Amino acid sequence: MSIQLASLTAIQLRRAAEIKEKIAAMNKELASILGAPASISAKAPKKRKMSRAGRAKIAAAQKARWAKVKGAKSAAKAPAKKRKMSAAAKAKISAAAKARWAKAKAAGKKSL
């Protein structure tokens, strides 16, 4: 029902209200005949929630499937070694930075 209420005329709104009242009366009558509530709700169905354990099982199964597809070698790949800078290289960079700052301070600058 994508009809805007503002676009309806007063007569259409009255007619809709009458129909709604008739439906409610018929539902009430049906409930009294059947002995059970005959309410028809337009609510969205309740959203199902998954437990953490259930989600973990699904995730583990998916990882196992991918490991099977990729092969065990790619899953057990060792991380790349971290490159280290030599002490001489660190000293050279430090000296260059100190020289830049000394030049900047001599020029009266507070930032480079």
Foldseek 3Di string as FASTA:
>chain_A
DPDDPVPDDPVVVVVVVVVVVVVVVVQVVVCVVVVHRPDDDPDDDDDDDDDPVRVVVVVVVVVVVVCVVVDVDVVPDDDDDDDDDDPVVVVVVVVVVVVVVVVCVVVVHPDD
